[in-house]
Amino acid sequence: MAQTVRAVYERGQLRLLDGVTLAEGQQVQVSILSERELSLAALGDLVVTPPKEAEDDDFDEEALLAEVIAAFEGLPPLSETLIAERREGP
């Protein structure tokens, strides 16, 4: 089962901020994403394709926000969708 956890890089090591469900000695693969990369990946999966050629300084957050708002226009609030999915179960 995949798990996403937060971590902090300190003195050359990653310190996990969230608990994990692992057996002692179990090997795992780790992908490191910045908060910005994580947000862009989530938005890309849900609503929009982030601009690949944009540098940090060229990134238009207002345009992205407008695109996200337009994509959700006319849909029920996300909270209602999540509650309905949880009631239905897996």
Protein backbone atom coordinates (compact mmCIF):
# COMPACT_ATOMS: atom_id res chain seq x y z
CA MET A 1 0.00 0.00 0.00
CA ALA A 2 1.40 3.39 -0.98
CA GLN A 3 1.84 5.95 1.78
CA THR A 4 2.56 9.64 1.54
CA VAL A 5 4.32 11.16 4.53
CA ARG A 6 5.87 14.50 5.29
CA ALA A 7 9.53 14.73 6.24
CA VAL A 8 12.17 17.31 7.12
CA TYR A 9 15.75 17.14 5.88
CA GLU A 10 18.09 17.73 8.84
CA ARG A 11 21.82 17.12 9.15
CA GLY A 12 21.95 14.90 6.09
CA GLN A 13 18.97 12.72 7.03
CA LEU A 14 15.23 12.71 6.45
CA ARG A 15 13.18 12.86 9.66
CA LEU A 16 9.61 11.66 9.15
CA LEU A 17 6.88 13.93 10.50
CA ASP A 18 4.11 11.37 10.02
CA GLY A 19 3.86 7.78 11.18
CA VAL A 20 4.29 4.90 8.72
CA THR A 21 3.08 1.32 8.56
CA LEU A 22 6.23 -0.65 7.79
CA ALA A 23 7.82 -3.85 9.03
CA GLU A 24 11.21 -3.51 10.72
CA GLY A 25 13.92 -3.70 8.05
CA GLN A 26 11.46 -3.32 5.16
CA GLN A 27 12.98 -1.56 2.14
CA VAL A 28 11.01 1.17 0.38
CA GLN A 29 11.49 3.63 -2.48
CA VAL A 30 11.36 7.33 -1.71
CA SER A 31 10.33 10.13 -4.08
CA ILE A 32 11.16 13.64 -2.96
CA LEU A 33 8.85 16.48 -4.02
CA SER A 34 8.88 20.06 -2.85
CA GLU A 35 5.58 21.54 -1.65
CA ARG A 36 5.28 23.33 -5.00
CA GLU A 37 5.96 20.17 -7.01
CA LEU A 38 3.45 18.23 -4.89
CA SER A 39 0.78 20.89 -5.43
CA LEU A 40 1.39 21.04 -9.18
CA ALA A 41 1.29 17.24 -9.44
CA ALA A 42 -2.01 17.10 -7.56
CA LEU A 43 -3.54 19.84 -9.69
CA GLY A 44 -2.28 18.19 -12.85
CA ASP A 45 -3.88 14.91 -11.86
CA LEU A 46 -7.17 16.52 -10.85
CA VAL A 47 -7.86 19.44 -13.11
CA VAL A 48 -5.13 20.98 -15.22
CA THR A 49 -1.82 20.27 -16.83
CA PRO A 50 0.80 22.55 -15.27
CA PRO A 51 3.04 24.44 -17.66
CA LYS A 52 6.26 22.41 -18.02
CA GLU A 53 8.29 25.24 -19.49
CA ALA A 54 7.47 27.73 -16.74
CA GLU A 55 10.26 28.64 -14.36
CA ASP A 56 9.47 29.51 -10.74
CA ASP A 57 9.63 33.23 -11.54
CA ASP A 58 7.42 32.85 -14.64
CA PHE A 59 4.74 30.77 -12.94
CA ASP A 60 1.39 32.59 -13.10
CA GLU A 61 -0.42 31.50 -9.94
CA GLU A 62 -3.41 33.76 -10.63
CA ALA A 63 -3.97 32.22 -14.07
CA LEU A 64 -3.72 28.71 -12.61
CA LEU A 65 -6.19 29.60 -9.84
CA ALA A 66 -8.62 31.01 -12.41
CA GLU A 67 -8.32 27.80 -14.45
CA VAL A 68 -8.98 25.63 -11.38
CA ILE A 69 -11.99 27.74 -10.35
CA ALA A 70 -13.40 27.50 -13.89
CA ALA A 71 -12.92 23.71 -13.93
CA PHE A 72 -14.95 23.33 -10.73
CA GLU A 73 -17.67 25.80 -11.72
CA GLY A 74 -21.13 24.26 -11.51
CA LEU A 75 -19.94 21.23 -9.55
CA PRO A 76 -20.92 20.49 -5.94
CA PRO A 77 -18.40 21.49 -3.28
CA LEU A 78 -15.48 19.08 -2.99
CA SER A 79 -16.37 18.43 0.66
CA GLU A 80 -19.79 17.08 -0.38
CA THR A 81 -18.17 14.81 -2.96
CA LEU A 82 -15.70 13.43 -0.40
CA ILE A 83 -18.45 12.80 2.17
CA ALA A 84 -20.54 10.98 -0.43
CA GLU A 85 -17.56 8.82 -1.47
CA ARG A 86 -16.83 7.91 2.14
CA ARG A 87 -20.45 6.91 2.71
CA GLU A 88 -20.37 4.67 -0.37
CA GLY A 89 -17.18 2.96 0.78
CA PRO A 90 -14.47 1.32 -1.31
